[in-house]
PDB file of N, CA and C in Angstrom:
ATOM      1  N   MET A   1       0.198  -1.250  -0.210  1.00  0.00           N
ATOM      2  CA  MET A   1       0.300   0.213   0.065  1.00  0.00           C
ATOM      3  C   MET A   1       0.605   1.478  -0.094  1.00  0.00           C
ATOM      4  N   ALA A   2       0.890   1.899  -0.930  1.00  0.00           N
ATOM      5  CA  ALA A   2       1.527   3.448  -0.948  1.00  0.00           C
ATOM      6  C   ALA A   2       0.769   4.380  -1.056  1.00  0.00           C
ATOM      7  N   PHE A   3       1.189   5.517  -0.189  1.00  0.00           N
ATOM      8  CA  PHE A   3       0.722   6.887  -0.467  1.00  0.00           C
ATOM      9  C   PHE A   3       1.413   7.914  -0.313  1.00  0.00           C
ATOM     10  N   CYS A   4       0.708   8.879  -1.122  1.00  0.00           N
ATOM     11  CA  CYS A   4       0.812  10.238  -1.666  1.00  0.00           C
ATOM     12  C   CYS A   4       1.513  11.219  -0.893  1.00  0.00           C
ATOM     13  N   SER A   5       2.891  11.989  -0.768  1.00  0.00           N
ATOM     14  CA  SER A   5       3.797  12.221   0.054  1.00  0.00           C
ATOM     15  C   SER A   5       3.117  13.854   0.309  1.00  0.00           C
ATOM     16  N   LYS A   6       2.529  14.192  -0.827  1.00  0.00           N
ATOM     17  CA  LYS A   6       2.485  15.361  -1.115  1.00  0.00           C
ATOM     18  C   LYS A   6       0.821  15.528  -0.026  1.00  0.00           C
ATOM     19  N   CYS A   7      -0.553  14.507  -0.603  1.00  0.00           N
ATOM     20  CA  CYS A   7      -1.567  14.605   0.194  1.00  0.00           C
ATOM     21  C   CYS A   7      -2.029  13.633   1.446  1.00  0.00           C
ATOM     22  N   GLY A   8      -1.525  12.723   1.014  1.00  0.00           N
ATOM     23  CA  GLY A   8      -1.567  11.365   1.866  1.00  0.00           C
ATOM     24  C   GLY A   8      -2.844  10.273   1.714  1.00  0.00           C
ATOM     25  N   LYS A   9      -3.698  10.393   0.079  1.00  0.00           N
ATOM     26  CA  LYS A   9      -4.262   9.693  -0.027  1.00  0.00           C
ATOM     27  C   LYS A   9      -3.897   8.351  -0.681  1.00  0.00           C
ATOM     28  N   GLU A  10      -4.464   7.724  -0.475  1.00  0.00           N
ATOM     29  CA  GLU A  10      -3.536   5.698  -1.084  1.00  0.00           C
ATOM     30  C   GLU A  10      -3.771   5.942  -2.414  1.00  0.00           C
ATOM     31  N   MET A  11      -2.233   5.304  -3.036  1.00  0.00           N
ATOM     32  CA  MET A  11      -1.952   5.742  -4.462  1.00  0.00           C
ATOM     33  C   MET A  11      -1.686   3.903  -4.895  1.00  0.00           C
ATOM     34  N   GLU A  12      -1.983   3.353  -6.239  1.00  0.00           N
ATOM     35  CA  GLU A  12      -2.024   2.255  -6.566  1.00  0.00           C
ATOM     36  C   GLU A  12       0.078   1.551  -6.673  1.00  0.00           C
ATOM     37  N   GLU A  13      -0.162   0.584  -6.208  1.00  0.00           N
ATOM     38  CA  GLU A  13       1.325   0.105  -5.605  1.00  0.00           C
ATOM     39  C   GLU A  13       2.058   0.202  -6.573  1.00  0.00           C
ATOM     40  N   GLY A  14       3.447   0.952  -6.869  1.00  0.00           N
ATOM     41  CA  GLY A  14       3.972   1.088  -8.024  1.00  0.00           C
ATOM     42  C   GLY A  14       3.359   2.549  -8.153  1.00  0.00           C
ATOM     43  N   SER A  15       2.821   3.616  -8.837  1.00  0.00           N
ATOM     44  CA  SER A  15       2.532   4.267  -8.925  1.00  0.00           C
ATOM     45  C   SER A  15       3.354   5.366  -8.868  1.00  0.00           C
ATOM     46  N   PHE A  16       3.793   6.399  -9.752  1.00  0.00           N
ATOM     47  CA  PHE A  16       4.799   7.625  -9.578  1.00  0.00           C
ATOM     48  C   PHE A  16       3.870   9.250  -9.344  1.00  0.00           C
ATOM     49  N   VAL A  17       2.716   8.992  -9.747  1.00  0.00           N
ATOM     50  CA  VAL A  17       2.245   9.930  -9.868  1.00  0.00           C
ATOM     51  C   VAL A  17       0.687   9.538  -9.132  1.00  0.00           C
ATOM     52  N   CYS A  18       0.523  10.562  -8.546  1.00  0.00           N
ATOM     53  CA  CYS A  18      -0.560  10.480  -7.439  1.00  0.00           C
ATOM     54  C   CYS A  18      -2.316  11.135  -7.981  1.00  0.00           C
ATOM     55  N   PRO A  19      -2.872  10.215  -8.005  1.00  0.00           N
ATOM     56  CA  PRO A  19      -3.870  10.465  -9.486  1.00  0.00           C
ATOM     57  C   PRO A  19      -5.107  11.343  -8.622  1.00  0.00           C
ATOM     58  N   TYR A  20      -4.743  11.942  -7.358  1.00  0.00           N
ATOM     59  CA  TYR A  20      -5.705  13.190  -6.916  1.00  0.00           C
ATOM     60  C   TYR A  20      -4.961  14.860  -6.969  1.00  0.00           C
ATOM     61  N   CYS A  21      -4.007  14.205  -6.094  1.00  0.00           N
ATOM     62  CA  CYS A  21      -3.050  16.178  -6.712  1.00  0.00           C
ATOM     63  C   CYS A  21      -1.988  15.936  -7.451  1.00  0.00           C
ATOM     64  N   GLY A  22      -2.283  15.042  -8.149  1.00  0.00           N
ATOM     65  CA  GLY A  22      -1.355  15.717  -9.056  1.00  0.00           C
ATOM     66  C   GLY A  22       0.387  15.013  -9.312  1.00  0.00           C
ATOM     67  N   ASN A  23       0.763  15.002  -7.766  1.00  0.00           N
ATOM     68  CA  ASN A  23       2.083  14.801  -7.325  1.00  0.00           C
ATOM     69  C   ASN A  23       3.061  13.756  -7.692  1.00  0.00           C
ATOM     70  N   ASP A  24       4.239  14.465  -8.716  1.00  0.00           N
ATOM     71  CA  ASP A  24       5.502  13.627  -9.213  1.00  0.00           C
ATOM     72  C   ASP A  24       6.176  12.767  -8.604  1.00  0.00           C
ATOM     73  N   GLU A  25       6.281  11.130  -7.875  1.00  0.00           N
ATOM     74  CA  GLU A  25       6.615  10.883  -7.102  1.00  0.00           C
ATOM     75  C   GLU A  25       8.326  11.107  -7.686  1.00  0.00           C
ATOM     76  N   ASP A  26       8.550  10.855  -8.822  1.00  0.00           N
ATOM     77  CA  ASP A  26      10.076  10.714  -9.282  1.00  0.00           C
ATOM     78  C   ASP A  26      10.107  11.873 -10.425  1.00  0.00           C
ATOM     79  N   LYS A  27      11.311  12.906  -9.467  1.00  0.00           N
ATOM     80  CA  LYS A  27      11.940  13.938  -8.898  1.00  0.00           C
ATOM     81  C   LYS A  27      13.191  13.626  -9.101  1.00  0.00           C
ATOM     82  N   VAL A  28      14.114  14.869  -9.783  1.00  0.00           N
ATOM     83  CA  VAL A  28      15.964  14.655  -9.590  1.00  0.00           C
ATOM     84  C   VAL A  28      15.742  15.048  -8.738  1.00  0.00           C
ATOM     85  N   ASN A  29      16.635  14.938  -8.040  1.00  0.00           N
ATOM     86  CA  ASN A  29      17.059  15.816  -6.226  1.00  0.00           C
ATOM     87  C   ASN A  29      18.117  16.305  -7.021  1.00  0.00           C
ATOM     88  N   VAL A  30      18.296  17.819  -6.911  1.00  0.00           N
ATOM     89  CA  VAL A  30      19.921  18.502  -6.721  1.00  0.00           C
ATOM     90  C   VAL A  30      21.424  18.012  -6.887  1.00  0.00           C
ATOM     91  N   GLY A  31      20.607  17.499  -5.308  1.00  0.00           N
ATOM     92  CA  GLY A  31      21.854  17.018  -4.561  1.00  0.00           C
ATOM     93  C   GLY A  31      22.730  15.779  -5.362  1.00  0.00           C
ATOM     94  N   LEU A  32      21.907  15.126  -6.041  1.00  0.00           N
ATOM     95  CA  LEU A  32      22.443  14.251  -6.472  1.00  0.00           C
ATOM     96  C   LEU A  32      23.201  13.667  -7.795  1.00  0.00           C
ATOM     97  N   MET A  33      22.284  14.969  -8.683  1.00  0.00           N
ATOM     98  CA  MET A  33      22.301  15.503 -10.122  1.00  0.00           C
ATOM     99  C   MET A  33      24.206  16.309  -9.562  1.00  0.00           C
ATOM    100  N   ILE A  34      24.818  16.302  -8.478  1.00  0.00           N
ATOM    101  CA  ILE A  34      25.663  16.921  -7.661  1.00  0.00           C
ATOM    102  C   ILE A  34      26.418  16.604  -7.953  1.00  0.00           C
ATOM    103  N   LEU A  35      26.314  15.317  -7.114  1.00  0.00           N
ATOM    104  CA  LEU A  35      27.160  14.120  -6.843  1.00  0.00           C
ATOM    105  C   LEU A  35      27.838  12.953  -8.418  1.00  0.00           C
ATOM    106  N   ALA A  36      26.384  12.987  -9.520  1.00  0.00           N
ATOM    107  CA  ALA A  36      26.414  12.401 -10.793  1.00  0.00           C
ATOM    108  C   ALA A  36      27.496  12.823 -11.656  1.00  0.00           C
ATOM    109  N   VAL A  37      27.717  13.960 -11.392  1.00  0.00           N
ATOM    110  CA  VAL A  37      28.432  14.833 -12.351  1.00  0.00           C
ATOM    111  C   VAL A  37      30.163  14.746 -11.225  1.00  0.00           C
ATOM    112  N   LEU A  38      30.280  15.001  -9.892  1.00  0.00           N
ATOM    113  CA  LEU A  38      31.568  15.040  -8.799  1.00  0.00           C
ATOM    114  C   LEU A  38      31.809  13.252  -9.055  1.00  0.00           C
ATOM    115  N   ILE A  39      31.276  12.522  -9.147  1.00  0.00           N
ATOM    116  CA  ILE A  39      31.648  11.218  -9.071  1.00  0.00           C
ATOM    117  C   ILE A  39      30.817  10.665  -9.870  1.00  0.00           C
ATOM    118  N   PRO A  40      31.291  10.335 -11.223  1.00  0.00           N
ATOM    119  CA  PRO A  40      30.486   9.870 -12.534  1.00  0.00           C
ATOM    120  C   PRO A  40      30.274   8.104 -11.870  1.00  0.00           C
ATOM    121  N   ILE A  41      30.754   6.961 -11.662  1.00  0.00           N
ATOM    122  CA  ILE A  41      29.909   5.749 -10.829  1.00  0.00           C
ATOM    123  C   ILE A  41      28.599   5.845 -10.380  1.00  0.00           C
ATOM    124  N   ALA A  42      29.098   7.034  -9.125  1.00  0.00           N
ATOM    125  CA  ALA A  42      27.340   7.224  -8.629  1.00  0.00           C
ATOM    126  C   ALA A  42      26.549   7.476  -9.476  1.00  0.00           C
ATOM    127  N   GLY A  43      27.239   8.161 -10.480  1.00  0.00           N
ATOM    128  CA  GLY A  43      25.135   8.585 -11.463  1.00  0.00           C
ATOM    129  C   GLY A  43      25.183   7.645 -12.198  1.00  0.00           C
ATOM    130  N   ILE A  44      26.417   6.884 -12.781  1.00  0.00           N
ATOM    131  CA  ILE A  44      25.218   5.987 -13.288  1.00  0.00           C
ATOM    132  C   ILE A  44      25.078   4.313 -12.793  1.00  0.00           C
ATOM    133  N   ILE A  45      25.336   4.500 -11.243  1.00  0.00           N
ATOM    134  CA  ILE A  45      24.663   3.569 -10.624  1.00  0.00           C
ATOM    135  C   ILE A  45      23.412   3.947 -10.014  1.00  0.00           C
ATOM    136  N   MET A  46      23.210   5.366  -9.936  1.00  0.00           N
ATOM    137  CA  MET A  46      21.787   5.452  -8.992  1.00  0.00           C
ATOM    138  C   MET A  46      21.023   5.551 -10.505  1.00  0.00           C
ATOM    139  N   GLY A  47      21.235   6.363 -11.734  1.00  0.00           N
ATOM    140  CA  GLY A  47      20.579   5.867 -12.415  1.00  0.00           C
ATOM    141  C   GLY A  47      19.859   4.115 -13.448  1.00  0.00           C
ATOM    142  N   ILE A  48      20.821   3.762 -13.467  1.00  0.00           N
ATOM    143  CA  ILE A  48      20.745   1.892 -13.201  1.00  0.00           C
ATOM    144  C   ILE A  48      19.960   1.773 -12.679  1.00  0.00           C
ATOM    145  N   VAL A  49      19.875   2.155 -10.868  1.00  0.00           N
ATOM    146  CA  VAL A  49      18.991   1.443  -9.968  1.00  0.00           C
ATOM    147  C   VAL A  49      17.555   2.516 -10.275  1.00  0.00           C
ATOM    148  N   ASN A  50      17.768   3.654 -10.261  1.00  0.00           N
ATOM    149  CA  ASN A  50      16.210   4.339 -10.225  1.00  0.00           C
ATOM    150  C   ASN A  50      15.536   3.544 -11.696  1.00  0.00           C
ATOM    151  N   LEU A  51      16.161   3.249 -13.099  1.00  0.00           N
ATOM    152  CA  LEU A  51      15.716   2.196 -14.178  1.00  0.00           C
ATOM    153  C   LEU A  51      14.718   1.990 -13.834  1.00  0.00           C
ATOM    154  N   SER A  52      15.626   0.969 -13.049  1.00  0.00           N
ATOM    155  CA  SER A  52      14.987  -0.806 -12.652  1.00  0.00           C
ATOM    156  C   SER A  52      13.909  -0.688 -11.928  1.00  0.00           C
ATOM    157  N   LYS A  53      13.414   0.763 -10.821  1.00  0.00           N
ATOM    158  CA  LYS A  53      12.574   0.980 -10.229  1.00  0.00           C
ATOM    159  C   LYS A  53      11.611   1.408 -11.082  1.00  0.00           C
ATOM    160  N   GLY A  54      11.612   1.396 -11.883  1.00  0.00           N
ATOM    161  CA  GLY A  54      10.761   2.070 -13.082  1.00  0.00           C
ATOM    162  C   GLY A  54      10.464   3.449 -12.907  1.00  0.00           C
ATOM    163  N   LYS A  55      11.814   4.684 -12.354  1.00  0.00           N
ATOM    164  CA  LYS A  55      12.114   5.908 -12.285  1.00  0.00           C
ATOM    165  C   LYS A  55      12.598   6.720 -13.614  1.00  0.00           C
ATOM    166  N   LYS A  56      11.511   6.171 -14.585  1.00  0.00           N
ATOM    167  CA  LYS A  56      12.407   6.806 -15.683  1.00  0.00           C
ATOM    168  C   LYS A  56      13.427   8.157 -16.371  1.00  0.00           C
ATOM    169  N   LYS A  57      12.840   9.034 -15.438  1.00  0.00           N
ATOM    170  CA  LYS A  57      13.423  10.717 -15.396  1.00  0.00           C
ATOM    171  C   LYS A  57      13.929  10.868 -14.268  1.00  0.00           C
ATOM    172  N   SER A  58      13.811  10.443 -12.748  1.00  0.00           N
ATOM    173  CA  SER A  58      15.533  10.522 -12.571  1.00  0.00           C
ATOM    174  C   SER A  58      16.793   9.721 -12.868  1.00  0.00           C
ATOM    175  N   GLY A  59      16.242   8.622 -13.316  1.00  0.00           N
ATOM    176  CA  GLY A  59      17.490   7.614 -14.044  1.00  0.00           C
ATOM    177  C   GLY A  59      18.029   7.849 -14.685  1.00  0.00           C
ATOM    178  N   THR A  60      16.503   8.276 -16.162  1.00  0.00           N
ATOM    179  CA  THR A  60      17.594   9.063 -17.279  1.00  0.00           C
ATOM    180  C   THR A  60      18.351   9.845 -16.707  1.00  0.00           C
ATOM    181  N   ALA A  61      18.050  10.761 -15.771  1.00  0.00           N
ATOM    182  CA  ALA A  61      19.213  12.416 -15.795  1.00  0.00           C
ATOM    183  C   ALA A  61      20.333  11.808 -15.102  1.00  0.00           C
ATOM    184  N   TYR A  62      20.094  10.777 -13.719  1.00  0.00           N
ATOM    185  CA  TYR A  62      20.884  10.429 -12.999  1.00  0.00           C
ATOM    186  C   TYR A  62      22.295   9.811 -14.332  1.00  0.00           C
ATOM    187  N   LEU A  63      22.001   8.614 -15.776  1.00  0.00           N
ATOM    188  CA  LEU A  63      22.612   8.141 -15.715  1.00  0.00           C
ATOM    189  C   LEU A  63      23.412   8.530 -17.476  1.00  0.00           C
ATOM    190  N   VAL A  64      23.103   9.885 -17.263  1.00  0.00           N
ATOM    191  CA  VAL A  64      22.901  10.344 -19.075  1.00  0.00           C
ATOM    192  C   VAL A  64      23.750  12.052 -18.251  1.00  0.00           C
ATOM    193  N   ALA A  65      23.608  11.960 -16.594  1.00  0.00           N
ATOM    194  CA  ALA A  65      25.046  12.854 -16.103  1.00  0.00           C
ATOM    195  C   ALA A  65      26.493  11.898 -15.529  1.00  0.00           C
ATOM    196  N   GLY A  66      26.165  10.942 -14.864  1.00  0.00           N
ATOM    197  CA  GLY A  66      27.000   9.989 -14.881  1.00  0.00           C
ATOM    198  C   GLY A  66      27.959   9.958 -16.152  1.00  0.00           C
ATOM    199  N   ILE A  67      27.097   9.550 -17.628  1.00  0.00           N
ATOM    200  CA  ILE A  67      28.445   9.144 -18.234  1.00  0.00           C
ATOM    201  C   ILE A  67      28.277  10.461 -19.553  1.00  0.00           C
ATOM    202  N   ILE A  68      28.437  11.292 -18.852  1.00  0.00           N
ATOM    203  CA  ILE A  68      28.712  12.612 -19.633  1.00  0.00           C
ATOM    204  C   ILE A  68      29.949  12.772 -18.826  1.00  0.00           C
ATOM    205  N   ALA A  69      29.588  13.083 -17.031  1.00  0.00           N
ATOM    206  CA  ALA A  69      30.917  13.395 -16.468  1.00  0.00           C
ATOM    207  C   ALA A  69      31.902  12.543 -16.625  1.00  0.00           C
ATOM    208  N   TRP A  70      31.508  11.186 -16.838  1.00  0.00           N
ATOM    209  CA  TRP A  70      32.607   9.879 -17.467  1.00  0.00           C
ATOM    210  C   TRP A  70      33.590  10.696 -18.386  1.00  0.00           C
ATOM    211  N   VAL A  71      32.841  10.744 -19.753  1.00  0.00           N
ATOM    212  CA  VAL A  71      33.608  11.163 -21.094  1.00  0.00           C
ATOM    213  C   VAL A  71      34.274  12.812 -20.622  1.00  0.00           C
ATOM    214  N   LEU A  72      34.016  13.045 -19.936  1.00  0.00           N
ATOM    215  CA  LEU A  72      34.450  14.963 -19.924  1.00  0.00           C
ATOM    216  C   LEU A  72      35.513  14.556 -19.015  1.00  0.00           C
ATOM    217  N   GLY A  73      35.747  13.487 -17.837  1.00  0.00           N
ATOM    218  CA  GLY A  73      36.768  13.135 -17.284  1.00  0.00           C
ATOM    219  C   GLY A  73      37.834  12.745 -18.356  1.00  0.00           C
ATOM    220  N   MET A  74      37.685  11.452 -19.016  1.00  0.00           N
ATOM    221  CA  MET A  74      38.767  10.822 -19.864  1.00  0.00           C
ATOM    222  C   MET A  74      39.317  12.096 -20.968  1.00  0.00           C
ATOM    223  N   VAL A  75      38.556  13.196 -21.474  1.00  0.00           N
ATOM    224  CA  VAL A  75      38.715  13.847 -22.249  1.00  0.00           C
ATOM    225  C   VAL A  75      39.938  14.792 -22.120  1.00  0.00           C
ATOM    226  N   ILE A  76      39.510  15.082 -20.709  1.00  0.00           N
ATOM    227  CA  ILE A  76      40.324  15.795 -19.639  1.00  0.00           C
ATOM    228  C   ILE A  76      41.918  15.788 -19.587  1.00  0.00           C
ATOM    229  N   THR A  77      41.554  14.102 -18.621  1.00  0.00           N
ATOM    230  CA  THR A  77      42.337  13.748 -18.903  1.00  0.00           C
ATOM    231  C   THR A  77      43.927  13.517 -19.851  1.00  0.00           C
ATOM    232  N   PHE A  78      43.582  13.047 -21.123  1.00  0.00           N
ATOM    233  CA  PHE A  78      44.134  12.856 -22.117  1.00  0.00           C
ATOM    234  C   PHE A  78      44.738  14.402 -22.603  1.00  0.00           C
ATOM    235  N   ALA A  79      43.665  16.146 -22.542  1.00  0.00           N
ATOM    236  CA  ALA A  79      44.398  16.465 -22.819  1.00  0.00           C
ATOM    237  C   ALA A  79      45.216  17.301 -22.394  1.00  0.00           C
ATOM    238  N   VAL A  80      45.227  16.994 -20.445  1.00  0.00           N
ATOM    239  CA  VAL A  80      46.215  17.176 -20.089  1.00  0.00           C
ATOM    240  C   VAL A  80      47.924  16.458 -20.028  1.00  0.00           C
ATOM    241  N   ASN A  81      46.953  14.991 -19.939  1.00  0.00           N
ATOM    242  CA  ASN A  81      48.423  14.016 -19.817  1.00  0.00           C
ATOM    243  C   ASN A  81      48.212  13.050 -21.270  1.00  0.00           C
ATOM    244  N   PRO A  82      48.691  13.448 -22.162  1.00  0.00           N
ATOM    245  CA  PRO A  82      48.385  11.748 -22.711  1.00  0.00           C
ATOM    246  C   PRO A  82      49.163  11.165 -22.872  1.00  0.00           C
ATOM    247  N   SER A  83      50.101  11.027 -22.253  1.00  0.00           N
ATOM    248  CA  SER A  83      50.995   9.419 -21.799  1.00  0.00           C
ATOM    249  C   SER A  83      50.356   8.776 -21.282  1.00  0.00           C
ATOM    250  N   VAL A  84      49.418   9.317 -20.981  1.00  0.00           N
ATOM    251  CA  VAL A  84      48.127   8.133 -19.867  1.00  0.00           C
ATOM    252  C   VAL A  84      47.667   7.023 -20.347  1.00  0.00           C
ATOM    253  N   PHE A  85      47.509   7.060 -21.604  1.00  0.00           N
ATOM    254  CA  PHE A  85      46.786   6.164 -22.883  1.00  0.00           C
ATOM    255  C   PHE A  85      47.634   5.444 -23.719  1.00  0.00           C
ATOM    256  N   LYS A  86      49.143   5.722 -22.977  1.00  0.00           N
ATOM    257  CA  LYS A  86      49.958   4.992 -24.391  1.00  0.00           C
ATOM    258  C   LYS A  86      49.904   4.191 -23.462  1.00  0.00           C
ATOM    259  N   ALA A  87      50.302   2.838 -24.533  1.00  0.00           N
ATOM    260  CA  ALA A  87      50.550   1.518 -23.694  1.00  0.00           C
ATOM    261  C   ALA A  87      51.920   1.652 -23.794  1.00  0.00           C
TER     262      ALA A  87
END
């Protein structure tokens, strides 16, 4: 049994939007987005976990932030010290 965090009315189990007040339980947390950018692996893990729970909005945001931060980190590392990637 699930209850809306805004109005307190009973919602269907697994539902992320309250049918009474329209509260969207699948929100992107700013603090977690910052964490996803600073620690890309955390963003990727949070994205996968949220997507597996059916939270498409937040899962996609965390996953994309983590992947972009990881790619940018690799590009910056290569630009600063190209010998890192030489065999």
